[in-house]
């Protein structure tokens, strides 16, 4: 596999892992997320990373 593709896939995997850390299973309540600016920004940034890699 092309090295560049591996890099993109690694970036996607890391971004997903970070989102899962910010939103642990069992605590994924939209109302809490909606009012937590730091978590929203962190998740949004990781979604940007995924979008750029794709």
N, C-alpha and C. Protein backbone atom coordinates (compact mmCIF):
# COMPACT_ATOMS: atom_id res chain seq x y z
N UNK A 1 0.85 -1.18 0.00
CA UNK A 1 0.00 0.00 0.00
C UNK A 1 0.89 1.24 0.00
N UNK A 2 0.47 2.24 -0.69
CA UNK A 2 1.21 3.49 -0.79
C UNK A 2 1.41 4.11 0.60
N UNK A 3 2.60 4.62 0.85
CA UNK A 3 2.92 5.22 2.15
C UNK A 3 1.99 6.38 2.50
N UNK A 4 1.65 7.19 1.51
CA UNK A 4 0.76 8.33 1.75
C UNK A 4 -0.63 7.86 2.20
N UNK A 5 -1.12 6.80 1.59
CA UNK A 5 -2.43 6.25 1.97
C UNK A 5 -2.38 5.72 3.39
N UNK A 6 -1.30 5.05 3.75
CA UNK A 6 -1.15 4.55 5.12
C UNK A 6 -1.16 5.70 6.12
N UNK A 7 -0.53 6.79 5.76
CA UNK A 7 -0.51 7.97 6.63
C UNK A 7 -1.92 8.50 6.82
N UNK A 8 -2.68 8.60 5.73
CA UNK A 8 -4.06 9.10 5.83
C UNK A 8 -4.90 8.18 6.70
N UNK A 9 -4.77 6.87 6.50
CA UNK A 9 -5.53 5.92 7.29
C UNK A 9 -5.16 6.00 8.77
N UNK A 10 -3.88 6.19 9.06
CA UNK A 10 -3.43 6.35 10.44
C UNK A 10 -4.06 7.61 11.05
N UNK A 11 -4.07 8.71 10.29
CA UNK A 11 -4.67 9.95 10.79
C UNK A 11 -6.16 9.77 11.08
N UNK A 12 -6.85 9.06 10.21
CA UNK A 12 -8.28 8.79 10.41
C UNK A 12 -8.48 7.96 11.68
N UNK A 13 -7.68 6.92 11.84
CA UNK A 13 -7.80 6.05 13.01
C UNK A 13 -7.55 6.84 14.30
N UNK A 14 -6.51 7.66 14.33
CA UNK A 14 -6.19 8.45 15.52
C UNK A 14 -7.31 9.44 15.83
N UNK A 15 -7.87 10.06 14.81
CA UNK A 15 -8.95 11.02 15.03
C UNK A 15 -10.18 10.33 15.62
N UNK A 16 -10.49 9.15 15.12
CA UNK A 16 -11.63 8.38 15.65
C UNK A 16 -11.37 8.01 17.10
N UNK A 17 -10.17 7.56 17.40
CA UNK A 17 -9.83 7.20 18.78
C UNK A 17 -9.96 8.39 19.71
N UNK A 18 -9.53 9.56 19.26
CA UNK A 18 -9.65 10.76 20.09
C UNK A 18 -11.11 11.13 20.32
N UNK A 19 -11.93 11.05 19.28
CA UNK A 19 -13.36 11.34 19.44
C UNK A 19 -13.97 10.39 20.46
N UNK A 20 -13.60 9.12 20.39
CA UNK A 20 -14.13 8.15 21.35
C UNK A 20 -13.68 8.47 22.77
N UNK A 21 -12.48 9.02 22.92
CA UNK A 21 -12.01 9.42 24.26
C UNK A 21 -12.80 10.62 24.77
N UNK A 22 -13.11 11.55 23.88
CA UNK A 22 -13.86 12.73 24.29
C UNK A 22 -15.30 12.41 24.62
N UNK A 23 -15.84 11.37 23.99
CA UNK A 23 -17.23 10.97 24.17
C UNK A 23 -17.29 9.51 24.60
N UNK A 24 -16.95 9.22 25.86
CA UNK A 24 -16.93 7.82 26.29
C UNK A 24 -18.31 7.17 26.21
N UNK A 25 -18.30 5.89 25.90
CA UNK A 25 -19.53 5.12 25.82
C UNK A 25 -20.26 5.20 27.17
N UNK A 26 -21.56 5.40 27.13
CA UNK A 26 -22.33 5.53 28.35
C UNK A 26 -22.49 6.97 28.80
N UNK A 27 -21.66 7.88 28.25
CA UNK A 27 -21.75 9.29 28.61
C UNK A 27 -22.07 10.15 27.39
N UNK A 28 -22.52 9.51 26.34
CA UNK A 28 -22.81 10.23 25.09
C UNK A 28 -24.22 10.79 25.12
N UNK A 29 -24.36 11.87 25.83
CA UNK A 29 -25.65 12.54 25.94
C UNK A 29 -25.53 13.86 25.19
N UNK A 30 -26.38 14.04 24.19
CA UNK A 30 -26.26 15.20 23.31
C UNK A 30 -26.36 16.51 24.08
N UNK A 31 -27.22 16.58 25.07
CA UNK A 31 -27.37 17.82 25.83
C UNK A 31 -26.07 18.21 26.52
N UNK A 32 -25.36 17.23 27.07
CA UNK A 32 -24.06 17.51 27.70
C UNK A 32 -23.06 17.99 26.66
N UNK A 33 -23.04 17.30 25.53
CA UNK A 33 -22.12 17.66 24.44
C UNK A 33 -22.41 19.07 23.94
N UNK A 34 -23.68 19.37 23.76
CA UNK A 34 -24.09 20.66 23.20
C UNK A 34 -23.60 21.84 24.05
N UNK A 35 -23.49 21.64 25.35
CA UNK A 35 -23.10 22.73 26.25
C UNK A 35 -21.63 22.70 26.64
N UNK A 36 -20.85 21.78 26.09
CA UNK A 36 -19.43 21.66 26.42
C UNK A 36 -18.60 22.14 25.23
N UNK A 37 -18.26 23.41 25.24
CA UNK A 37 -17.58 24.03 24.10
C UNK A 37 -16.24 23.36 23.78
N UNK A 38 -15.46 23.02 24.79
CA UNK A 38 -14.15 22.39 24.53
C UNK A 38 -14.30 21.04 23.84
N UNK A 39 -15.24 20.25 24.30
CA UNK A 39 -15.45 18.95 23.67
C UNK A 39 -15.96 19.12 22.24
N UNK A 40 -16.88 20.05 22.04
CA UNK A 40 -17.39 20.29 20.69
C UNK A 40 -16.26 20.67 19.74
N UNK A 41 -15.41 21.58 20.17
CA UNK A 41 -14.30 22.01 19.31
C UNK A 41 -13.33 20.86 19.02
N UNK A 42 -13.06 20.05 20.03
CA UNK A 42 -12.15 18.93 19.85
C UNK A 42 -12.72 17.91 18.87
N UNK A 43 -14.00 17.60 19.02
CA UNK A 43 -14.64 16.65 18.11
C UNK A 43 -14.70 17.23 16.70
N UNK A 44 -15.07 18.49 16.58
CA UNK A 44 -15.14 19.13 15.26
C UNK A 44 -13.79 19.12 14.58
N UNK A 45 -12.73 19.38 15.31
CA UNK A 45 -11.38 19.38 14.72
C UNK A 45 -11.01 17.99 14.21
N UNK A 46 -11.34 16.98 14.98
CA UNK A 46 -11.04 15.62 14.54
C UNK A 46 -11.88 15.24 13.33
N UNK A 47 -13.10 15.72 13.25
CA UNK A 47 -13.92 15.48 12.05
C UNK A 47 -13.30 16.17 10.83
N UNK A 48 -12.72 17.35 11.04
CA UNK A 48 -12.00 18.04 9.96
C UNK A 48 -10.82 17.20 9.48
N UNK A 49 -10.08 16.64 10.42
CA UNK A 49 -8.92 15.80 10.08
C UNK A 49 -9.39 14.60 9.24
N UNK A 50 -10.47 13.97 9.67
CA UNK A 50 -10.99 12.83 8.92
C UNK A 50 -11.40 13.28 7.53
N UNK A 51 -12.09 14.39 7.43
CA UNK A 51 -12.54 14.88 6.12
C UNK A 51 -11.36 15.19 5.20
N UNK A 52 -10.32 15.80 5.74
CA UNK A 52 -9.15 16.12 4.92
C UNK A 52 -8.44 14.85 4.46
N UNK A 53 -8.37 13.87 5.33
CA UNK A 53 -7.69 12.62 4.98
C UNK A 53 -8.47 11.84 3.92
N UNK A 54 -9.77 11.94 4.00
CA UNK A 54 -10.59 11.22 3.01
C UNK A 54 -10.51 11.95 1.68
